[in-house]
Amino acid sequence: MIAERLIDEMIRAASIVDERVRTIYDVITGVDADERLRTVILQRKITRERVEGVINRAIGEDILLVSRQRVELTDSTLGSTMMKLKLSRGSVHSDNVDFLSDCKYSAEALVVELRNRQGRGFADKLLQDLSLRVRTEWLESFDEISRTESEPFGQKLLELIRPRIRKSHENLPESLARYCRYQHLLGVLGILTEHCLVKWSNVPLEAQPD
């Protein structure tokens, strides 16, 4: 677990031999006392880079998912216009549309925050991993419901997807689950809808009545 790795790192930093024990050795070997002190201070210092290094190494042990259909978050993709239109055309209830819009906003805010705290590379890798996990649950649900239900089936599709996404969140590696909640994964579903990487109907959007 990441918490255990951080504790171990702090213990290692705190367990460096005290300077008083080193004094006689330094005199014998001719090591400069000031240089020794600077070295010990650096070794004991818990910096942001040191903490991030521990976290990133722990996360790196879990194989992140990647996709050629990348989701790029920019200022021009932070709205929900397309998502709301597609959900409405799929007859998803309005309260669910509003809720997914909030979840989408939360997921976007999470990515922005992680970019600031952990760096853009880490945040974007996490987004790609979660996107593929969510899209897997959507695709399996869509294949199932499109065989058994007639159009429009958007609301039933959402009801089928949600427990699958909740289960997916419960099964996330600890190194990833610490960064997101179930609602963030629903937000990723909204992001994928906005980017037209998931659909809520077999009828093309332009062919559906207003």
N, C-alpha and C. Protein backbone atom coordinates (compact mmCIF):
# COMPACT_ATOMS: atom_id res chain seq x y z
N MET A 1 0.84 -1.20 0.00
CA MET A 1 0.00 0.00 0.00
C MET A 1 0.87 1.25 0.00
N ILE A 2 0.34 2.33 -0.59
CA ILE A 2 1.11 3.56 -0.69
C ILE A 2 1.41 4.14 0.69
N ALA A 3 0.44 4.07 1.60
CA ALA A 3 0.66 4.60 2.95
C ALA A 3 1.84 3.91 3.62
N GLU A 4 1.93 2.60 3.46
CA GLU A 4 3.03 1.85 4.06
C GLU A 4 4.36 2.25 3.43
N ARG A 5 4.36 2.49 2.10
CA ARG A 5 5.60 2.91 1.43
C ARG A 5 6.06 4.26 1.98
N LEU A 6 5.12 5.18 2.19
CA LEU A 6 5.48 6.50 2.70
C LEU A 6 6.02 6.41 4.13
N ILE A 7 5.40 5.56 4.94
CA ILE A 7 5.88 5.38 6.32
C ILE A 7 7.29 4.81 6.32
N ASP A 8 7.53 3.82 5.46
CA ASP A 8 8.86 3.23 5.35
C ASP A 8 9.90 4.27 4.95
N GLU A 9 9.51 5.15 4.01
CA GLU A 9 10.43 6.18 3.55
C GLU A 9 10.77 7.14 4.68
N MET A 10 9.79 7.52 5.49
CA MET A 10 10.03 8.42 6.61
C MET A 10 10.89 7.76 7.68
N ILE A 11 10.67 6.46 7.91
CA ILE A 11 11.48 5.73 8.89
C ILE A 11 12.94 5.68 8.44
N ARG A 12 13.14 5.44 7.12
CA ARG A 12 14.51 5.41 6.60
C ARG A 12 15.19 6.77 6.78
N ALA A 13 14.42 7.83 6.52
CA ALA A 13 14.99 9.17 6.66
C ALA A 13 15.34 9.47 8.11
N ALA A 14 14.49 9.04 9.03
CA ALA A 14 14.70 9.33 10.45
C ALA A 14 15.74 8.43 11.09
N SER A 15 16.08 7.33 10.46
CA SER A 15 16.98 6.35 11.08
C SER A 15 18.44 6.55 10.68
N ILE A 16 18.73 7.63 9.94
CA ILE A 16 20.12 7.91 9.58
C ILE A 16 20.93 8.15 10.86
N VAL A 17 22.11 7.60 10.91
CA VAL A 17 22.92 7.64 12.13
C VAL A 17 23.14 9.07 12.59
N ASP A 18 22.98 9.29 13.89
CA ASP A 18 23.13 10.62 14.47
C ASP A 18 24.55 11.16 14.26
N GLU A 19 24.66 12.46 14.12
CA GLU A 19 25.95 13.09 13.86
C GLU A 19 26.97 12.84 14.98
N ARG A 20 26.50 12.75 16.22
CA ARG A 20 27.42 12.56 17.33
C ARG A 20 28.15 11.23 17.23
N VAL A 21 27.46 10.21 16.67
CA VAL A 21 28.08 8.91 16.49
C VAL A 21 29.13 8.98 15.40
N ARG A 22 28.94 9.85 14.44
CA ARG A 22 29.84 9.95 13.30
C ARG A 22 31.10 10.78 13.59
N THR A 23 31.08 11.56 14.68
CA THR A 23 32.13 12.54 14.90
C THR A 23 33.52 11.92 14.93
N ILE A 24 33.72 10.88 15.74
CA ILE A 24 35.04 10.24 15.86
C ILE A 24 35.48 9.68 14.53
N TYR A 25 34.53 9.04 13.82
CA TYR A 25 34.83 8.46 12.51
C TYR A 25 35.28 9.56 11.53
N ASP A 26 34.61 10.70 11.59
CA ASP A 26 34.94 11.79 10.69
C ASP A 26 36.34 12.33 10.96
N VAL A 27 36.69 12.43 12.25
CA VAL A 27 38.01 12.92 12.61
C VAL A 27 39.09 11.98 12.07
N ILE A 28 38.85 10.68 12.24
CA ILE A 28 39.83 9.70 11.80
C ILE A 28 39.99 9.71 10.29
N THR A 29 38.88 9.79 9.59
CA THR A 29 38.92 9.70 8.12
C THR A 29 39.13 11.04 7.45
N GLY A 30 39.05 12.12 8.21
CA GLY A 30 39.27 13.43 7.63
C GLY A 30 38.08 13.99 6.89
N VAL A 31 36.86 13.48 7.15
CA VAL A 31 35.66 13.97 6.49
C VAL A 31 35.27 15.33 7.09
N ASP A 32 35.00 16.30 6.25
CA ASP A 32 34.61 17.62 6.70
C ASP A 32 33.26 17.55 7.43
N ALA A 33 33.21 18.11 8.63
CA ALA A 33 32.01 18.02 9.46
C ALA A 33 30.83 18.76 8.81
N ASP A 34 31.10 19.93 8.24
CA ASP A 34 30.03 20.70 7.60
C ASP A 34 29.45 19.95 6.41
N GLU A 35 30.32 19.33 5.64
CA GLU A 35 29.84 18.56 4.49
C GLU A 35 29.02 17.37 4.94
N ARG A 36 29.47 16.72 6.00
CA ARG A 36 28.70 15.60 6.55
C ARG A 36 27.33 16.07 7.01
N LEU A 37 27.26 17.22 7.67
CA LEU A 37 25.99 17.75 8.15
C LEU A 37 25.04 18.05 7.00
N ARG A 38 25.57 18.66 5.93
CA ARG A 38 24.73 18.96 4.77
C ARG A 38 24.17 17.68 4.15
N THR A 39 24.98 16.66 4.09
CA THR A 39 24.55 15.37 3.52
C THR A 39 23.43 14.76 4.35
N VAL A 40 23.59 14.79 5.66
CA VAL A 40 22.58 14.21 6.55
C VAL A 40 21.26 14.97 6.45
N ILE A 41 21.35 16.30 6.39
CA ILE A 41 20.14 17.11 6.27
C ILE A 41 19.38 16.76 4.99
N LEU A 42 20.11 16.63 3.90
CA LEU A 42 19.48 16.28 2.63
C LEU A 42 18.85 14.90 2.69
N GLN A 43 19.52 13.97 3.36
CA GLN A 43 19.00 12.60 3.45
C GLN A 43 17.76 12.52 4.32
N ARG A 44 17.69 13.40 5.30
CA ARG A 44 16.54 13.36 6.22
C ARG A 44 15.36 14.19 5.72
N LYS A 45 15.59 15.03 4.77
CA LYS A 45 14.55 15.94 4.29
C LYS A 45 13.51 15.20 3.47
N ILE A 46 12.24 15.30 3.87
CA ILE A 46 11.13 14.69 3.12
C ILE A 46 10.58 15.77 2.19
N THR A 47 10.98 15.72 0.94
CA THR A 47 10.56 16.73 -0.03
C THR A 47 9.34 16.25 -0.81
N ARG A 48 8.70 17.19 -1.50
CA ARG A 48 7.58 16.86 -2.38
C ARG A 48 8.00 15.85 -3.44
N GLU A 49 9.19 16.05 -4.01
CA GLU A 49 9.68 15.15 -5.05
C GLU A 49 9.89 13.74 -4.49
N ARG A 50 10.35 13.67 -3.27
CA ARG A 50 10.58 12.36 -2.65
C ARG A 50 9.27 11.61 -2.43
N VAL A 51 8.26 12.34 -1.94
CA VAL A 51 6.95 11.73 -1.71
C VAL A 51 6.33 11.30 -3.04
N GLU A 52 6.39 12.19 -4.05
CA GLU A 52 5.83 11.85 -5.36
C GLU A 52 6.53 10.64 -5.97
N GLY A 53 7.83 10.54 -5.73
CA GLY A 53 8.58 9.40 -6.25
C GLY A 53 8.08 8.09 -5.66
N VAL A 54 7.81 8.09 -4.34
CA VAL A 54 7.29 6.89 -3.69
C VAL A 54 5.92 6.52 -4.26
N ILE A 55 5.06 7.53 -4.41
CA ILE A 55 3.71 7.29 -4.93
C ILE A 55 3.76 6.77 -6.36
N ASN A 56 4.56 7.42 -7.20
CA ASN A 56 4.61 7.02 -8.61
C ASN A 56 5.21 5.63 -8.79
N ARG A 57 6.18 5.28 -7.96
CA ARG A 57 6.74 3.92 -8.04
C ARG A 57 5.70 2.89 -7.66
N ALA A 58 4.89 3.21 -6.63
CA ALA A 58 3.85 2.28 -6.21
C ALA A 58 2.78 2.13 -7.28
N ILE A 59 2.40 3.25 -7.90
CA ILE A 59 1.39 3.21 -8.95
C ILE A 59 1.92 2.46 -10.16
N GLY A 60 3.20 2.65 -10.44
CA GLY A 60 3.81 2.00 -11.59
C GLY A 60 3.78 0.49 -11.52
N GLU A 61 3.62 -0.06 -10.30
CA GLU A 61 3.56 -1.50 -10.15
C GLU A 61 2.25 -2.07 -10.67
N ASP A 62 1.21 -1.23 -10.77
CA ASP A 62 -0.05 -1.64 -11.37
C ASP A 62 -0.03 -1.26 -12.85
N ILE A 63 -0.36 -2.22 -13.69
CA ILE A 63 -0.32 -1.97 -15.13
C ILE A 63 -1.49 -1.08 -15.52
N LEU A 64 -1.19 0.13 -16.01
CA LEU A 64 -2.24 1.05 -16.42
C LEU A 64 -2.73 0.69 -17.82
N LEU A 65 -4.02 0.86 -18.02
CA LEU A 65 -4.62 0.61 -19.33
C LEU A 65 -4.42 1.82 -20.23
N VAL A 66 -4.23 1.56 -21.50
CA VAL A 66 -4.08 2.65 -22.47
C VAL A 66 -5.00 2.38 -23.66
N SER A 67 -5.31 3.44 -24.39
CA SER A 67 -6.21 3.31 -25.53
C SER A 67 -5.75 4.23 -26.66
N ARG A 68 -5.95 3.80 -27.89
CA ARG A 68 -5.65 4.66 -29.03
C ARG A 68 -6.70 5.76 -29.17
N GLN A 69 -7.88 5.55 -28.58
CA GLN A 69 -8.93 6.58 -28.58
C GLN A 69 -8.76 7.44 -27.33
N ARG A 70 -7.78 8.29 -27.36
CA ARG A 70 -7.43 9.08 -26.19
C ARG A 70 -8.47 10.15 -25.89
N VAL A 71 -8.67 10.38 -24.62
CA VAL A 71 -9.55 11.45 -24.16
C VAL A 71 -8.67 12.62 -23.76
N GLU A 72 -8.81 13.74 -24.44
CA GLU A 72 -8.01 14.93 -24.16
C GLU A 72 -8.90 15.99 -23.53
N LEU A 73 -8.55 16.42 -22.34
CA LEU A 73 -9.32 17.47 -21.67
C LEU A 73 -8.67 18.82 -21.94
N THR A 74 -9.40 19.67 -22.62
CA THR A 74 -8.96 21.04 -22.88
C THR A 74 -10.12 21.97 -22.53
N ASP A 75 -9.87 23.27 -22.60
CA ASP A 75 -10.93 24.23 -22.28
C ASP A 75 -12.14 24.05 -23.19
N SER A 76 -11.90 23.61 -24.43
CA SER A 76 -13.00 23.48 -25.40
C SER A 76 -13.81 22.20 -25.19
N THR A 77 -13.34 21.28 -24.32
CA THR A 77 -14.06 20.02 -24.13
C THR A 77 -14.66 19.91 -22.73
N LEU A 78 -14.66 21.01 -21.98
CA LEU A 78 -15.12 20.94 -20.60
C LEU A 78 -16.62 21.15 -20.45
N GLY A 79 -17.33 21.42 -21.54
CA GLY A 79 -18.78 21.60 -21.45
C GLY A 79 -19.52 20.28 -21.45
N SER A 80 -20.84 20.35 -21.41
CA SER A 80 -21.68 19.15 -21.39
C SER A 80 -22.77 19.19 -22.45
N THR A 81 -22.64 20.06 -23.43
CA THR A 81 -23.70 20.23 -24.43
C THR A 81 -23.97 18.94 -25.18
N MET A 82 -22.94 18.31 -25.73
CA MET A 82 -23.12 17.08 -26.50
C MET A 82 -23.60 15.94 -25.60
N MET A 83 -23.05 15.85 -24.40
CA MET A 83 -23.46 14.80 -23.48
C MET A 83 -24.95 14.91 -23.17
N LYS A 84 -25.42 16.10 -22.84
CA LYS A 84 -26.83 16.29 -22.50
C LYS A 84 -27.73 15.98 -23.70
N LEU A 85 -27.30 16.37 -24.89
CA LEU A 85 -28.09 16.11 -26.09
C LEU A 85 -28.21 14.61 -26.34
N LYS A 86 -27.09 13.88 -26.25
CA LYS A 86 -27.11 12.45 -26.53
C LYS A 86 -27.91 11.68 -25.48
N LEU A 87 -27.77 12.08 -24.22
CA LEU A 87 -28.53 11.42 -23.17
C LEU A 87 -30.03 11.68 -23.33
N SER A 88 -30.37 12.91 -23.66
CA SER A 88 -31.78 13.25 -23.85
C SER A 88 -32.37 12.51 -25.03
N ARG A 89 -31.61 12.42 -26.12
CA ARG A 89 -32.10 11.69 -27.30
C ARG A 89 -32.24 10.20 -27.01
N GLY A 90 -31.48 9.70 -26.04
CA GLY A 90 -31.63 8.31 -25.64
C GLY A 90 -32.70 8.10 -24.59
N SER A 91 -33.44 9.18 -24.29
CA SER A 91 -34.55 9.15 -23.31
C SER A 91 -34.07 8.85 -21.89
N VAL A 92 -32.87 9.31 -21.56
CA VAL A 92 -32.41 9.23 -20.18
C VAL A 92 -33.13 10.31 -19.38
N HIS A 93 -33.65 9.96 -18.22
CA HIS A 93 -34.42 10.90 -17.42
C HIS A 93 -33.61 12.16 -17.10
N SER A 94 -34.29 13.28 -17.05
CA SER A 94 -33.62 14.57 -16.89
C SER A 94 -32.82 14.67 -15.60
N ASP A 95 -33.33 14.06 -14.51
CA ASP A 95 -32.58 14.13 -13.25
C ASP A 95 -31.28 13.36 -13.35
N ASN A 96 -31.28 12.27 -14.12
CA ASN A 96 -30.05 11.52 -14.33
C ASN A 96 -29.08 12.30 -15.22
N VAL A 97 -29.62 13.03 -16.18
CA VAL A 97 -28.78 13.86 -17.05
C VAL A 97 -28.07 14.92 -16.21
N ASP A 98 -28.82 15.57 -15.32
CA ASP A 98 -28.23 16.60 -14.46
C ASP A 98 -27.19 16.00 -13.52
N PHE A 99 -27.48 14.81 -13.00
CA PHE A 99 -26.55 14.16 -12.08
C PHE A 99 -25.26 13.79 -12.79
N LEU A 100 -25.36 13.23 -14.00
CA LEU A 100 -24.17 12.88 -14.76
C LEU A 100 -23.36 14.12 -15.14
N SER A 101 -24.06 15.21 -15.35
CA SER A 101 -23.37 16.47 -15.64
C SER A 101 -22.52 16.90 -14.45
N ASP A 102 -23.07 16.77 -13.24
CA ASP A 102 -22.30 17.08 -12.03
C ASP A 102 -21.12 16.13 -11.87
N CYS A 103 -21.35 14.86 -12.15
CA CYS A 103 -20.27 13.86 -12.03
C CYS A 103 -19.16 14.16 -13.05
N LYS A 104 -19.56 14.56 -14.25
CA LYS A 104 -18.59 14.93 -15.29
C LYS A 104 -17.75 16.11 -14.83
N TYR A 105 -18.40 17.11 -14.27
CA TYR A 105 -17.67 18.27 -13.77
C TYR A 105 -16.70 17.86 -12.67
N SER A 106 -17.12 16.95 -11.79
CA SER A 106 -16.25 16.47 -10.71
C SER A 106 -15.05 15.73 -11.25
N ALA A 107 -15.26 14.89 -12.27
CA ALA A 107 -14.15 14.14 -12.87
C ALA A 107 -13.16 15.09 -13.54
N GLU A 108 -13.67 16.11 -14.22
CA GLU A 108 -12.78 17.08 -14.86
C GLU A 108 -11.99 17.86 -13.82
N ALA A 109 -12.66 18.23 -12.73
CA ALA A 109 -11.97 18.96 -11.66
C ALA A 109 -10.89 18.09 -11.03
N LEU A 110 -11.16 16.79 -10.92
CA LEU A 110 -10.16 15.86 -10.38
C LEU A 110 -8.92 15.82 -11.26
N VAL A 111 -9.12 15.73 -12.56
CA VAL A 111 -7.98 15.68 -13.49
C VAL A 111 -7.16 16.96 -13.41
N VAL A 112 -7.84 18.10 -13.36
CA VAL A 112 -7.14 19.39 -13.26
C VAL A 112 -6.34 19.46 -11.97
N GLU A 113 -6.94 19.02 -10.87
CA GLU A 113 -6.25 19.04 -9.58
C GLU A 113 -5.04 18.12 -9.58
N LEU A 114 -5.19 16.93 -10.17
CA LEU A 114 -4.06 16.00 -10.22
C LEU A 114 -2.96 16.51 -11.13
N ARG A 115 -3.33 17.21 -12.18
CA ARG A 115 -2.30 17.82 -13.04
C ARG A 115 -1.46 18.81 -12.24
N ASN A 116 -2.10 19.56 -11.37
CA ASN A 116 -1.39 20.54 -10.55
C ASN A 116 -0.55 19.88 -9.46
N ARG A 117 -1.08 18.80 -8.87
CA ARG A 117 -0.39 18.16 -7.75
C ARG A 117 0.63 17.13 -8.19
N GLN A 118 0.29 16.30 -9.19
CA GLN A 118 1.13 15.17 -9.56
C GLN A 118 1.79 15.33 -10.93
N GLY A 119 1.37 16.33 -11.68
CA GLY A 119 1.92 16.52 -13.01
C GLY A 119 0.94 16.06 -14.08
N ARG A 120 1.03 16.67 -15.24
CA ARG A 120 0.10 16.37 -16.33
C ARG A 120 0.21 14.91 -16.79
N GLY A 121 1.44 14.39 -16.85
CA GLY A 121 1.62 13.02 -17.33
C GLY A 121 0.87 12.02 -16.49
N PHE A 122 1.00 12.11 -15.17
CA PHE A 122 0.30 11.17 -14.30
C PHE A 122 -1.20 11.32 -14.41
N ALA A 123 -1.71 12.56 -14.39
CA ALA A 123 -3.15 12.79 -14.44
C ALA A 123 -3.76 12.25 -15.72
N ASP A 124 -3.08 12.47 -16.84
CA ASP A 124 -3.61 12.01 -18.12
C ASP A 124 -3.56 10.49 -18.24
N LYS A 125 -2.52 9.86 -17.69
CA LYS A 125 -2.46 8.39 -17.69
C LYS A 125 -3.59 7.80 -16.86
N LEU A 126 -3.88 8.43 -15.73
CA LEU A 126 -4.98 7.96 -14.89
C LEU A 126 -6.31 8.10 -15.63
N LEU A 127 -6.50 9.22 -16.32
CA LEU A 127 -7.73 9.44 -17.07
C LEU A 127 -7.89 8.38 -18.17
N GLN A 128 -6.82 8.08 -18.88
CA GLN A 128 -6.90 7.06 -19.95
C GLN A 128 -7.25 5.70 -19.37
N ASP A 129 -6.66 5.36 -18.24
CA ASP A 129 -6.94 4.07 -17.60
C ASP A 129 -8.41 3.99 -17.19
N LEU A 130 -8.90 5.00 -16.49
CA LEU A 130 -10.30 4.99 -16.05
C LEU A 130 -11.25 5.03 -17.23
N SER A 131 -10.87 5.73 -18.29
CA SER A 131 -11.73 5.81 -19.47
C SER A 131 -11.93 4.43 -20.10
N LEU A 132 -10.85 3.67 -20.20
CA LEU A 132 -10.97 2.36 -20.81
C LEU A 132 -11.75 1.40 -19.92
N ARG A 133 -11.58 1.52 -18.62
CA ARG A 133 -12.36 0.70 -17.69
C ARG A 133 -13.85 1.00 -17.83
N VAL A 134 -14.20 2.28 -17.87
CA VAL A 134 -15.61 2.68 -17.98
C VAL A 134 -16.16 2.28 -19.34
N ARG A 135 -15.38 2.49 -20.39
CA ARG A 135 -15.87 2.16 -21.74
C ARG A 135 -16.08 0.65 -21.89
N THR A 136 -15.29 -0.14 -21.19
CA THR A 136 -15.50 -1.60 -21.19
C THR A 136 -16.87 -1.94 -20.62
N GLU A 137 -17.22 -1.33 -19.50
CA GLU A 137 -18.52 -1.60 -18.87
C GLU A 137 -19.66 -1.09 -19.75
N TRP A 138 -19.46 0.07 -20.37
CA TRP A 138 -20.49 0.59 -21.27
C TRP A 138 -20.69 -0.34 -22.47
N LEU A 139 -19.61 -0.77 -23.11
CA LEU A 139 -19.72 -1.57 -24.33
C LEU A 139 -20.41 -2.90 -24.05
N GLU A 140 -20.05 -3.55 -22.96
CA GLU A 140 -20.69 -4.83 -22.64
C GLU A 140 -22.16 -4.63 -22.33
N SER A 141 -22.48 -3.53 -21.64
CA SER A 141 -23.88 -3.22 -21.34
C SER A 141 -24.65 -2.88 -22.61
N PHE A 142 -24.03 -2.10 -23.49
CA PHE A 142 -24.70 -1.69 -24.73
C PHE A 142 -24.97 -2.91 -25.61
N ASP A 143 -24.00 -3.79 -25.72
CA ASP A 143 -24.21 -4.99 -26.54
C ASP A 143 -25.36 -5.83 -25.99
N GLU A 144 -25.44 -5.92 -24.70
CA GLU A 144 -26.49 -6.72 -24.07
C GLU A 144 -27.87 -6.12 -24.28
N ILE A 145 -28.01 -4.81 -24.01
CA ILE A 145 -29.33 -4.21 -24.04
C ILE A 145 -29.82 -3.97 -25.47
N SER A 146 -28.90 -3.74 -26.40
CA SER A 146 -29.33 -3.49 -27.78
C SER A 146 -29.88 -4.74 -28.44
N ARG A 147 -29.58 -5.91 -27.86
CA ARG A 147 -30.13 -7.17 -28.39
C ARG A 147 -31.52 -7.46 -27.84
N THR A 148 -31.83 -6.88 -26.69
CA THR A 148 -33.08 -7.26 -26.02
C THR A 148 -34.10 -6.14 -25.91
N GLU A 149 -33.68 -4.89 -26.11
CA GLU A 149 -34.58 -3.76 -25.93
C GLU A 149 -34.75 -2.98 -27.23
N SER A 150 -35.91 -2.41 -27.40
CA SER A 150 -36.16 -1.56 -28.56
C SER A 150 -35.84 -0.12 -28.21
N GLU A 151 -35.62 0.67 -29.24
CA GLU A 151 -35.32 2.09 -29.03
C GLU A 151 -36.56 2.84 -28.53
N PRO A 152 -36.37 3.87 -27.70
CA PRO A 152 -35.12 4.31 -27.08
C PRO A 152 -34.86 3.52 -25.78
N PHE A 153 -33.59 3.21 -25.52
CA PHE A 153 -33.27 2.40 -24.33
C PHE A 153 -32.20 3.05 -23.46
N GLY A 154 -31.99 4.37 -23.62
CA GLY A 154 -30.93 5.05 -22.88
C GLY A 154 -31.05 4.92 -21.37
N GLN A 155 -32.27 5.08 -20.84
CA GLN A 155 -32.45 5.00 -19.39
C GLN A 155 -32.16 3.59 -18.89
N LYS A 156 -32.64 2.57 -19.59
CA LYS A 156 -32.36 1.20 -19.18
C LYS A 156 -30.87 0.87 -19.30
N LEU A 157 -30.23 1.46 -20.32
CA LEU A 157 -28.79 1.27 -20.48
C LEU A 157 -28.05 1.85 -19.29
N LEU A 158 -28.42 3.04 -18.86
CA LEU A 158 -27.78 3.68 -17.71
C LEU A 158 -27.97 2.83 -16.46
N GLU A 159 -29.18 2.31 -16.29
CA GLU A 159 -29.46 1.48 -15.11
C GLU A 159 -28.64 0.19 -15.12
N LEU A 160 -28.31 -0.28 -16.31
CA LEU A 160 -27.48 -1.49 -16.43
C LEU A 160 -26.01 -1.18 -16.19
N ILE A 161 -25.58 0.00 -16.62
CA ILE A 161 -24.17 0.37 -16.51
C ILE A 161 -23.77 0.69 -15.08
N ARG A 162 -24.64 1.39 -14.36
CA ARG A 162 -24.23 1.91 -13.04
C ARG A 162 -23.71 0.85 -12.08
N PRO A 163 -24.40 -0.27 -11.87
CA PRO A 163 -23.84 -1.26 -10.95
C PRO A 163 -22.53 -1.86 -11.44
N ARG A 164 -22.36 -1.92 -12.75
CA ARG A 164 -21.11 -2.44 -13.30
C ARG A 164 -19.96 -1.47 -13.01
N ILE A 165 -20.23 -0.18 -13.15
CA ILE A 165 -19.20 0.82 -12.87
C ILE A 165 -18.89 0.85 -11.37
N ARG A 166 -19.92 0.70 -10.54
CA ARG A 166 -19.68 0.66 -9.09
C ARG A 166 -18.79 -0.53 -8.73
N LYS A 167 -19.06 -1.68 -9.35
CA LYS A 167 -18.24 -2.86 -9.10
C LYS A 167 -16.82 -2.64 -9.61
N SER A 168 -16.69 -1.99 -10.75
CA SER A 168 -15.37 -1.69 -11.30
C SER A 168 -14.59 -0.80 -10.35
N HIS A 169 -15.26 0.17 -9.74
CA HIS A 169 -14.59 1.04 -8.78
C HIS A 169 -14.14 0.25 -7.56
N GLU A 170 -14.99 -0.65 -7.09
CA GLU A 170 -14.63 -1.46 -5.93
C GLU A 170 -13.41 -2.34 -6.20
N ASN A 171 -13.21 -2.70 -7.45
CA ASN A 171 -12.11 -3.60 -7.82
C ASN A 171 -10.86 -2.86 -8.29
N LEU A 172 -10.87 -1.52 -8.23
CA LEU A 172 -9.69 -0.76 -8.62
C LEU A 172 -8.53 -1.08 -7.69
N PRO A 173 -7.30 -1.12 -8.22
CA PRO A 173 -6.14 -1.25 -7.35
C PRO A 173 -6.11 -0.10 -6.35
N GLU A 174 -5.61 -0.34 -5.16
CA GLU A 174 -5.59 0.69 -4.13
C GLU A 174 -4.86 1.94 -4.59
N SER A 175 -3.82 1.74 -5.40
CA SER A 175 -3.03 2.87 -5.87
C SER A 175 -3.81 3.79 -6.80
N LEU A 176 -4.90 3.28 -7.40
CA LEU A 176 -5.76 4.11 -8.25
C LEU A 176 -7.02 4.56 -7.51
N ALA A 177 -7.58 3.66 -6.69
CA ALA A 177 -8.83 3.96 -5.99
C ALA A 177 -8.67 5.14 -5.03
N ARG A 178 -7.46 5.37 -4.54
CA ARG A 178 -7.24 6.47 -3.60
C ARG A 178 -7.47 7.83 -4.25
N TYR A 179 -7.47 7.87 -5.58
CA TYR A 179 -7.61 9.14 -6.27
C TYR A 179 -9.05 9.43 -6.70
N CYS A 180 -9.91 8.45 -6.73
CA CYS A 180 -11.24 8.70 -7.29
C CYS A 180 -12.33 7.94 -6.55
N ARG A 181 -13.53 8.46 -6.64
CA ARG A 181 -14.72 7.83 -6.08
C ARG A 181 -15.58 7.27 -7.21
N TYR A 182 -16.61 6.56 -6.80
CA TYR A 182 -17.54 5.99 -7.78
C TYR A 182 -18.11 7.07 -8.69
N GLN A 183 -18.43 8.23 -8.09
CA GLN A 183 -19.01 9.33 -8.88
C GLN A 183 -18.03 9.85 -9.94
N HIS A 184 -16.73 9.77 -9.65
CA HIS A 184 -15.76 10.19 -10.65
C HIS A 184 -15.80 9.27 -11.88
N LEU A 185 -16.02 7.98 -11.65
CA LEU A 185 -16.12 7.06 -12.79
C LEU A 185 -17.37 7.33 -13.60
N LEU A 186 -18.49 7.68 -12.92
CA LEU A 186 -19.67 8.10 -13.66
C LEU A 186 -19.38 9.38 -14.45
N GLY A 187 -18.56 10.24 -13.86
CA GLY A 187 -18.16 11.45 -14.57
C GLY A 187 -17.34 11.14 -15.82
N VAL A 188 -16.50 10.12 -15.73
CA VAL A 188 -15.74 9.68 -16.90
C VAL A 188 -16.69 9.19 -17.99
N LEU A 189 -17.78 8.54 -17.59
CA LEU A 189 -18.80 8.12 -18.56
C LEU A 189 -19.37 9.34 -19.27
N GLY A 190 -19.60 10.42 -18.51
CA GLY A 190 -20.07 11.67 -19.12
C GLY A 190 -19.04 12.27 -20.08
N ILE A 191 -17.77 12.22 -19.67
CA ILE A 191 -16.69 12.72 -20.54
C ILE A 191 -16.65 11.94 -21.84
N LEU A 192 -16.75 10.62 -21.74
CA LEU A 192 -16.74 9.77 -22.94
C LEU A 192 -17.93 10.08 -23.84
N THR A 193 -19.07 10.37 -23.23
CA THR A 193 -20.26 10.73 -24.01
C THR A 193 -20.03 12.05 -24.73
N GLU A 194 -19.47 13.03 -24.03
CA GLU A 194 -19.19 14.33 -24.63
C GLU A 194 -18.21 14.20 -25.79
N HIS A 195 -17.27 13.27 -25.68
CA HIS A 195 -16.27 13.05 -26.72
C HIS A 195 -16.75 12.07 -27.80
N CYS A 196 -18.02 11.67 -27.69
CA CYS A 196 -18.62 10.76 -28.68
C CYS A 196 -17.90 9.41 -28.75
N LEU A 197 -17.39 8.94 -27.62
CA LEU A 197 -16.75 7.63 -27.56
C LEU A 197 -17.70 6.57 -27.00
N VAL A 198 -18.86 7.01 -26.51
CA VAL A 198 -19.93 6.08 -26.15
C VAL A 198 -21.23 6.66 -26.71
N LYS A 199 -22.20 5.79 -26.93
CA LYS A 199 -23.49 6.26 -27.46
C LYS A 199 -24.62 5.66 -26.63
N TRP A 200 -25.79 6.25 -26.76
CA TRP A 200 -26.95 5.84 -25.98
C TRP A 200 -28.09 5.39 -26.86
N SER A 201 -27.81 5.20 -28.12
CA SER A 201 -28.81 4.75 -29.08
C SER A 201 -28.09 4.22 -30.30
N ASN A 202 -28.73 3.29 -31.02
CA ASN A 202 -28.20 2.81 -32.29
C ASN A 202 -28.57 3.74 -33.44
N VAL A 203 -29.50 4.67 -33.17
CA VAL A 203 -29.93 5.61 -34.20
C VAL A 203 -28.95 6.77 -34.23
N PRO A 204 -28.36 7.08 -35.39
CA PRO A 204 -27.45 8.22 -35.48
C PRO A 204 -28.09 9.49 -34.97
N LEU A 205 -27.31 10.32 -34.29
CA LEU A 205 -27.84 11.52 -33.67
C LEU A 205 -28.54 12.43 -34.68
N GLU A 206 -27.96 12.56 -35.86
CA GLU A 206 -28.55 13.46 -36.88
C GLU A 206 -29.87 12.91 -37.43
N ALA A 207 -30.11 11.60 -37.24
CA ALA A 207 -31.33 10.99 -37.75
C ALA A 207 -32.45 10.99 -36.73
N GLN A 208 -32.14 11.39 -35.49
CA GLN A 208 -33.16 11.38 -34.45
C GLN A 208 -33.97 12.67 -34.49
N PRO A 209 -35.25 12.58 -34.18
CA PRO A 209 -36.09 13.78 -34.21
C PRO A 209 -35.75 14.72 -33.06
N ASP A 210 -35.96 16.01 -33.29
CA ASP A 210 -35.72 16.99 -32.23
C ASP A 210 -36.84 16.94 -31.20
